[in-house]
Amino acid sequence: MIDQLVGFCLRRRVAVIILAVLLVGFGVYAWETLSVEAYPELGDVAAQVTTQMPGLAAEEVEQLITVPLERQINGTPGLLLMRSTSTFGLSLITVLFRDGYEDYWARQRLLERINQTVLPQGAAPSLDPVAGPGGEIFRYTLESDTHNLQELSEIQRWVVIPALNRGHIKKIPYDFCLAGLIFSLPLITIGAANAFGWMLAYLRGASYIADMITSIAGNDPHLIMLLMVLLFTVVGDFIEPVPTIIIFMPLVNALTEAGDINAVHMGVVLIATLAFGLITPPYGLVLLMASKFVGISFAKALRAALPIYVVFLATIAFAIYFPSVVLWLPQKVLPESVGCFKSLAGTGYICPK
């Protein structure tokens, strides 16, 4: 067969030369127009739509987010396949396009469809970055006969990744400065608060405040405790609970006797108030540190903490006006600590009303 082919080419020299010239011309044209990439993309044209909605169950995410997006995406030109997953607070929709569609053009059409979808307030769909299997350059595994999986994971996180991504090393001075700024503010505030507490104790400010509260509230226990809550909320905003209790102990004792208030009842109310003071403006030591650690502004953290304020205030008010509930457990466990004394009959304790 080869002999016949060679003989045919020799007999039809002109036709073979013309065919060869055409093939060379087509090859040059293909060389000039063919797109060549260093790492050609081997996967399909795809995109992933991600929507976060914290607080919603998987069924609610499916009904309120995933289904409306699927209905809107279903008419996108070039759509080949669509898959979705709905979990707690998260909706994932994977979209595949037919061959021949340009990646950025398809993502633009998909983004237009997403923007037309009516979703609950706070839901903001977004597309994943342009990436595919061709983007992977290097893979590695960590194997060891002497280290378990947890140790290998720590080596991967703290040794291998920093070694591969040396950009983190350049940020070490900035991280040190930021950590110093975050921790210096609370330390300065604590130092100033301790100085303020020493000065207040030296000038007998607690006795003066006790006389002022007594002149306003008289012997009304509820009014005395409300004024104490107001005072300790302001003081607890700047001073830690333990120094506050030590500094204002004469004030607490004087007002407890003036209003004939149970000492344990007063202690529970004031401890809850001091904890509340740590997250109240204008400073709020705990709230400030938490906002710095998570990287949000203090004003935003304050708005997010408003429901907690309501819970704290309701709890403190309940503790003030329902002392029997607050003292129920101490009366059962340590009755003598709340003023109960043993019955003369020897059967149980008698507690004051």
Protein backbone atom coordinates (compact mmCIF):
# COMPACT_ATOMS: atom_id res chain seq x y z
CA MET A 1 0.00 0.00 0.00
CA ILE A 2 2.90 2.29 0.72
CA ASP A 3 4.35 1.59 -2.73
CA GLN A 4 1.06 2.59 -4.34
CA LEU A 5 0.88 5.82 -2.29
CA VAL A 6 4.45 6.79 -3.19
CA GLY A 7 3.79 5.98 -6.83
CA PHE A 8 0.61 8.11 -6.83
CA CYS A 9 2.51 11.07 -5.35
CA LEU A 10 5.24 10.76 -8.00
CA ARG A 11 2.70 10.62 -10.81
CA ARG A 12 0.72 13.61 -9.45
CA ARG A 13 3.59 15.87 -8.46
CA VAL A 14 1.75 19.16 -9.09
CA ALA A 15 -1.28 18.17 -7.00
CA VAL A 16 0.93 16.99 -4.13
CA ILE A 17 2.95 20.24 -4.17
CA ILE A 18 -0.24 22.34 -4.15
CA LEU A 19 -1.63 20.30 -1.24
CA ALA A 20 1.62 20.70 0.70
CA VAL A 21 1.58 24.47 0.17
CA LEU A 22 -2.01 24.66 1.41
CA LEU A 23 -1.14 22.63 4.50
CA VAL A 24 1.82 24.89 5.25
CA GLY A 25 -0.35 28.00 4.83
CA PHE A 26 -3.00 26.57 7.14
CA GLY A 27 -0.32 25.75 9.71
CA VAL A 28 1.05 29.31 9.64
CA TYR A 29 -2.48 30.69 10.02
CA ALA A 30 -3.18 28.36 12.98
CA TRP A 31 0.15 29.38 14.57
CA GLU A 32 -0.78 33.05 14.37
CA THR A 33 -4.35 32.70 15.70
CA LEU A 34 -4.13 29.84 18.21
CA SER A 35 -4.15 31.04 21.84
CA VAL A 36 -1.27 29.50 23.71
CA GLU A 37 -1.11 29.60 27.53
CA ALA A 38 1.71 28.63 29.85
CA TYR A 39 -0.79 26.70 32.00
CA PRO A 40 -3.80 25.91 29.82
CA GLU A 41 -7.15 25.58 31.60
CA LEU A 42 -8.32 21.99 31.36
CA GLY A 43 -11.56 22.27 33.31
CA ASP A 44 -15.01 23.40 32.27
CA VAL A 45 -16.11 27.03 32.45
CA ALA A 46 -17.64 27.13 35.92
CA ALA A 47 -18.57 29.54 38.70
CA GLN A 48 -19.75 29.17 42.28
CA VAL A 49 -22.33 31.47 43.88
CA THR A 50 -21.82 31.80 47.65
CA THR A 51 -24.37 33.45 49.96
CA GLN A 52 -23.93 33.74 53.72
CA MET A 53 -26.93 34.36 55.99
CA PRO A 54 -26.03 33.65 59.63
CA GLY A 55 -28.87 32.54 61.87
CA LEU A 56 -30.94 30.68 59.28
CA ALA A 57 -31.42 26.93 59.36
CA ALA A 58 -30.66 24.80 56.30
CA GLU A 59 -34.36 24.59 55.34
CA GLU A 60 -34.76 28.37 55.55
CA VAL A 61 -31.61 28.92 53.49
CA GLU A 62 -32.98 26.53 50.85
CA GLN A 63 -36.37 28.25 50.63
CA LEU A 64 -35.34 31.91 50.97
CA ILE A 65 -31.97 31.99 49.17
CA THR A 66 -31.06 28.89 47.17
CA VAL A 67 -34.37 28.35 45.35
CA PRO A 68 -34.82 32.03 44.25
CA LEU A 69 -31.23 32.11 42.97
CA GLU A 70 -31.67 28.84 41.08
CA ARG A 71 -34.81 30.11 39.40
CA GLN A 72 -33.04 33.29 38.30
CA ILE A 73 -29.83 31.56 37.19
CA ASN A 74 -31.71 28.90 35.23
CA GLY A 75 -32.12 31.21 32.21
CA THR A 76 -28.45 32.17 31.90
CA PRO A 77 -27.13 31.73 28.30
CA GLY A 78 -24.85 28.74 27.89
CA LEU A 79 -25.93 27.05 31.12
CA LEU A 80 -25.09 23.34 31.09
CA LEU A 81 -25.46 22.12 34.68
CA MET A 82 -26.34 23.57 38.07
CA ARG A 83 -25.87 22.02 41.50
CA SER A 84 -26.67 23.52 44.90
CA THR A 85 -26.02 22.85 48.57
CA SER A 86 -27.77 24.51 51.51
CA THR A 87 -26.35 24.28 55.03
CA PHE A 88 -26.72 26.26 58.24
CA GLY A 89 -26.34 29.91 57.26
CA LEU A 90 -24.70 29.14 53.90
CA SER A 91 -25.89 28.59 50.31
CA LEU A 92 -23.54 27.21 47.60
CA ILE A 93 -24.58 26.99 43.94
CA THR A 94 -22.16 25.57 41.34
CA VAL A 95 -22.84 26.51 37.71
CA LEU A 96 -21.21 24.83 34.66
CA PHE A 97 -21.29 26.33 31.14
CA ARG A 98 -21.05 24.67 27.75
CA ASP A 99 -17.74 24.47 25.87
CA GLY A 100 -16.91 27.50 23.78
CA TYR A 101 -18.11 30.14 26.23
CA GLU A 102 -15.55 32.61 27.48
CA ASP A 103 -15.08 32.54 31.26
CA TYR A 104 -15.43 36.24 32.00
CA TRP A 105 -18.37 36.68 29.61
CA ALA A 106 -20.25 33.80 31.29
CA ARG A 107 -19.54 35.17 34.79
CA GLN A 108 -20.80 38.61 33.75
CA ARG A 109 -24.10 37.12 32.51
CA LEU A 110 -24.35 35.14 35.74
CA LEU A 111 -23.69 38.21 37.87
CA GLU A 112 -26.43 40.13 36.05
CA ARG A 113 -28.90 37.35 36.86
CA ILE A 114 -27.88 37.28 40.52
CA ASN A 115 -28.34 41.03 40.93
CA GLN A 116 -31.95 40.71 39.74
CA THR A 117 -32.84 38.18 42.45
CA VAL A 118 -34.97 39.34 45.39
CA LEU A 119 -33.39 38.01 48.61
CA PRO A 120 -33.87 38.65 52.36
CA GLN A 121 -32.22 41.70 53.85
CA GLY A 122 -28.58 41.03 54.66
CA ALA A 123 -28.06 38.31 52.01
CA ALA A 124 -25.31 39.30 49.56
CA PRO A 125 -24.43 36.65 46.92
CA SER A 126 -20.90 36.67 45.56
CA LEU A 127 -18.92 34.76 42.93
CA ASP A 128 -15.80 32.77 43.71
CA PRO A 129 -12.45 33.89 42.22
CA VAL A 130 -11.57 32.73 38.71
CA ALA A 131 -9.70 29.47 39.30
CA GLY A 132 -9.61 25.92 38.06
CA PRO A 133 -7.63 22.68 38.13
CA GLY A 134 -5.07 24.15 35.73
CA GLY A 135 -4.10 26.72 38.35
CA GLU A 136 -2.48 24.11 40.58
CA ILE A 137 1.29 24.16 40.16
CA PHE A 138 2.58 22.03 43.01
CA ARG A 139 1.18 19.46 45.41
CA TYR A 140 2.85 17.95 48.44
CA THR A 141 2.04 15.68 51.38
CA LEU A 142 3.48 15.46 54.87
CA GLU A 143 4.23 11.91 56.00
CA SER A 144 6.00 10.72 59.11
CA ASP A 145 6.48 7.54 61.10
CA THR A 146 7.05 9.42 64.36
CA HIS A 147 4.39 12.20 64.23
CA ASN A 148 0.63 11.78 64.39
CA LEU A 149 -1.90 13.67 62.26
CA GLN A 150 -2.34 16.48 64.77
CA GLU A 151 1.42 17.10 64.93
CA LEU A 152 1.66 17.02 61.13
CA SER A 153 -1.18 19.54 60.96
CA GLU A 154 0.69 21.87 63.33
CA ILE A 155 3.88 21.51 61.26
CA GLN A 156 1.89 22.30 58.13
CA ARG A 157 0.32 25.39 59.70
CA TRP A 158 3.29 26.89 61.55
CA VAL A 159 6.35 25.67 59.60
CA VAL A 160 5.58 24.75 56.00
CA ILE A 161 3.09 27.50 55.08
CA PRO A 162 5.21 30.37 56.52
CA ALA A 163 8.23 28.94 54.70
CA LEU A 164 6.36 28.87 51.37
CA ASN A 165 4.73 32.26 51.87
CA ARG A 166 7.59 34.47 52.99
CA GLY A 167 5.43 37.60 52.76
CA HIS A 168 4.38 36.92 56.36
CA ILE A 169 7.94 37.53 57.55
CA LYS A 170 7.84 41.12 56.29
CA LYS A 171 4.69 41.76 58.35
CA ILE A 172 6.18 40.61 61.68
CA PRO A 173 7.21 44.17 62.80
CA TYR A 174 3.72 45.46 61.96
CA ASP A 175 2.11 42.58 63.88
CA PHE A 176 4.28 43.34 66.92
CA CYS A 177 3.30 47.03 66.82
CA LEU A 178 -0.39 46.17 66.45
CA ALA A 179 -0.27 43.69 69.34
CA GLY A 180 1.44 46.31 71.50
CA LEU A 181 -1.25 48.86 70.65
CA ILE A 182 -4.08 46.42 71.43
CA PHE A 183 -2.67 45.39 74.81
CA SER A 184 -1.35 48.80 75.86
CA LEU A 185 -4.75 50.50 75.91
CA PRO A 186 -6.30 48.15 78.53
CA LEU A 187 -3.11 48.23 80.63
CA ILE A 188 -3.05 52.03 80.63
CA THR A 189 -6.72 52.11 81.55
CA ILE A 190 -6.26 49.58 84.37
CA GLY A 191 -3.32 51.59 85.75
CA ALA A 192 -5.33 54.80 85.65
CA ALA A 193 -8.28 53.06 87.30
CA ASN A 194 -6.11 51.75 90.13
CA ALA A 195 -4.73 55.24 90.70
CA PHE A 196 -8.27 56.63 90.75
CA GLY A 197 -9.35 53.95 93.23
CA TRP A 198 -6.42 54.68 95.56
CA MET A 199 -7.22 58.39 95.49
CA LEU A 200 -10.92 57.72 96.14
CA ALA A 201 -10.10 55.50 99.13
CA TYR A 202 -7.56 57.99 100.50
CA LEU A 203 -10.05 60.87 100.35
CA ARG A 204 -12.85 58.74 101.93
CA GLY A 205 -15.01 59.23 98.86
CA ALA A 206 -17.05 56.10 99.61
CA SER A 207 -18.38 57.58 102.86
CA TYR A 208 -19.37 60.81 101.12
CA ILE A 209 -21.22 58.88 98.39
CA ALA A 210 -23.02 56.78 101.03
CA ASP A 211 -24.29 59.92 102.78
CA MET A 212 -25.48 61.35 99.46
CA ILE A 213 -27.39 58.19 98.49
CA THR A 214 -28.98 57.95 101.94
CA SER A 215 -30.16 61.54 101.70
CA ILE A 216 -31.86 60.78 98.37
CA ALA A 217 -33.28 57.30 98.96
CA GLY A 218 -33.77 57.32 102.73
CA ASN A 219 -34.43 53.75 103.94
CA ASP A 220 -36.14 52.50 100.76
CA PRO A 221 -34.19 49.30 99.86
CA HIS A 222 -35.32 49.26 96.21
CA LEU A 223 -34.33 52.88 95.60
CA ILE A 224 -31.01 52.37 97.38
CA MET A 225 -30.18 49.37 95.20
CA LEU A 226 -31.20 51.20 92.01
CA LEU A 227 -28.87 54.08 92.88
CA MET A 228 -26.12 51.57 93.67
CA VAL A 229 -26.66 49.91 90.30
CA LEU A 230 -26.30 53.29 88.59
CA LEU A 231 -23.12 54.05 90.53
CA PHE A 232 -21.51 50.65 89.98
CA THR A 233 -22.39 50.67 86.28
CA VAL A 234 -20.38 53.87 85.85
CA VAL A 235 -17.54 52.76 88.12
CA GLY A 236 -17.40 49.25 86.64
CA ASP A 237 -16.87 50.80 83.24
CA PHE A 238 -13.37 51.96 84.31
CA ILE A 239 -12.34 49.79 87.27
CA GLU A 240 -12.19 46.01 87.45
CA PRO A 241 -14.72 44.25 89.73
CA VAL A 242 -12.30 43.13 92.47
CA PRO A 243 -10.72 46.58 93.13
CA THR A 244 -14.18 48.13 92.97
CA ILE A 245 -15.54 45.82 95.68
CA ILE A 246 -12.52 46.50 97.91
CA ILE A 247 -12.70 50.29 97.47
CA PHE A 248 -16.46 50.59 97.95
CA MET A 249 -16.89 47.98 100.68
CA PRO A 250 -17.56 50.67 103.39
CA LEU A 251 -20.19 52.20 101.12
CA VAL A 252 -21.87 48.82 100.52
CA ASN A 253 -21.92 47.97 104.21
CA ALA A 254 -23.38 51.34 105.20
CA LEU A 255 -26.15 51.23 102.60
CA THR A 256 -26.94 47.58 103.34
CA GLU A 257 -27.59 48.47 106.97
CA ALA A 258 -29.47 51.66 106.10
CA GLY A 259 -31.92 49.84 103.85
CA ASP A 260 -32.08 46.62 105.90
CA ILE A 261 -30.99 44.66 102.81
CA ASN A 262 -29.69 41.13 102.92
CA ALA A 263 -25.92 41.19 102.28
CA VAL A 264 -26.04 38.24 99.85
CA HIS A 265 -28.87 39.90 97.94
CA MET A 266 -26.87 43.13 97.65
CA GLY A 267 -23.76 41.19 96.57
CA VAL A 268 -25.55 39.36 93.76
CA VAL A 269 -27.00 42.59 92.38
CA LEU A 270 -23.68 44.44 92.52
CA ILE A 271 -21.65 41.61 90.96
CA ALA A 272 -24.09 41.47 88.03
CA THR A 273 -23.87 45.25 87.73
CA LEU A 274 -20.05 45.21 87.65
CA ALA A 275 -20.11 42.59 84.90
CA PHE A 276 -22.55 44.79 83.00
CA GLY A 277 -20.21 47.78 83.43
CA LEU A 278 -17.41 45.98 81.58
CA ILE A 279 -19.36 46.18 78.28
CA THR A 280 -21.02 49.58 78.62
CA PRO A 281 -19.84 52.83 76.98
CA PRO A 282 -18.05 55.19 76.99
CA TYR A 283 -15.18 52.73 77.46
CA GLY A 284 -16.18 49.21 78.41
CA LEU A 285 -12.91 47.34 78.94
CA VAL A 286 -14.10 43.90 77.80
CA LEU A 287 -16.07 45.28 74.85
CA LEU A 288 -13.08 47.32 73.66
CA MET A 289 -10.70 44.35 73.83
CA ALA A 290 -13.20 42.09 72.03
CA SER A 291 -13.69 44.64 69.23
CA LYS A 292 -9.92 44.97 68.78
CA PHE A 293 -9.37 41.22 68.66
CA VAL A 294 -12.00 40.61 65.94
CA GLY A 295 -11.01 43.75 64.02
CA ILE A 296 -14.24 45.78 64.11
CA SER A 297 -14.91 49.31 65.32
CA PHE A 298 -16.02 49.94 68.89
CA ALA A 299 -19.23 51.61 67.66
CA LYS A 300 -20.17 48.53 65.62
CA ALA A 301 -19.46 46.24 68.58
CA LEU A 302 -21.58 48.51 70.76
CA ARG A 303 -24.55 48.26 68.40
CA ALA A 304 -24.19 44.48 68.25
CA ALA A 305 -24.17 44.29 72.07
CA LEU A 306 -27.47 46.18 72.53
CA PRO A 307 -29.55 42.98 72.99
CA ILE A 308 -27.13 41.92 75.73
CA TYR A 309 -27.75 45.23 77.51
CA VAL A 310 -31.47 44.52 77.59
CA VAL A 311 -30.85 41.05 79.06
CA PHE A 312 -28.49 42.47 81.71
CA LEU A 313 -30.88 45.25 82.75
CA ALA A 314 -33.84 42.87 82.94
CA THR A 315 -31.80 40.42 85.04
CA ILE A 316 -30.62 43.15 87.44
CA ALA A 317 -34.15 44.57 87.83
CA PHE A 318 -35.52 41.08 88.50
CA ALA A 319 -32.83 40.49 91.14
CA ILE A 320 -33.68 43.77 92.88
CA TYR A 321 -37.44 43.32 93.09
CA PHE A 322 -37.54 39.55 93.68
CA PRO A 323 -35.04 38.83 96.46
CA SER A 324 -36.79 35.60 97.42
CA VAL A 325 -35.82 34.07 94.06
CA VAL A 326 -32.22 35.28 94.38
CA LEU A 327 -31.88 33.92 97.93
CA TRP A 328 -33.65 30.62 97.32
CA LEU A 329 -30.51 28.65 96.47
CA PRO A 330 -28.33 30.15 99.26
CA GLN A 331 -31.09 29.35 101.76
CA LYS A 332 -31.04 25.71 100.64
CA VAL A 333 -27.26 25.28 100.45
CA LEU A 334 -25.79 27.73 103.02
CA PRO A 335 -28.72 29.01 105.06
CA GLU A 336 -26.58 30.65 107.73
CA SER A 337 -24.92 32.87 105.09
CA VAL A 338 -28.21 34.66 104.41
CA GLY A 339 -29.19 35.20 108.06
CA CYS A 340 -31.08 31.95 108.70
CA PHE A 341 -30.76 30.31 112.14
CA LYS A 342 -31.54 26.85 113.38
CA SER A 343 -35.00 26.16 114.71
CA LEU A 344 -35.29 25.53 118.44
CA ALA A 345 -37.13 22.32 117.62
CA GLY A 346 -34.03 21.15 115.74
CA THR A 347 -35.87 20.60 112.44
CA GLY A 348 -34.41 22.88 109.79
CA TYR A 349 -33.76 26.61 109.71
CA ILE A 350 -35.83 29.73 110.15
CA CYS A 351 -35.07 32.46 107.61
CA PRO A 352 -36.07 36.14 107.80
CA LYS A 353 -38.74 37.29 105.37
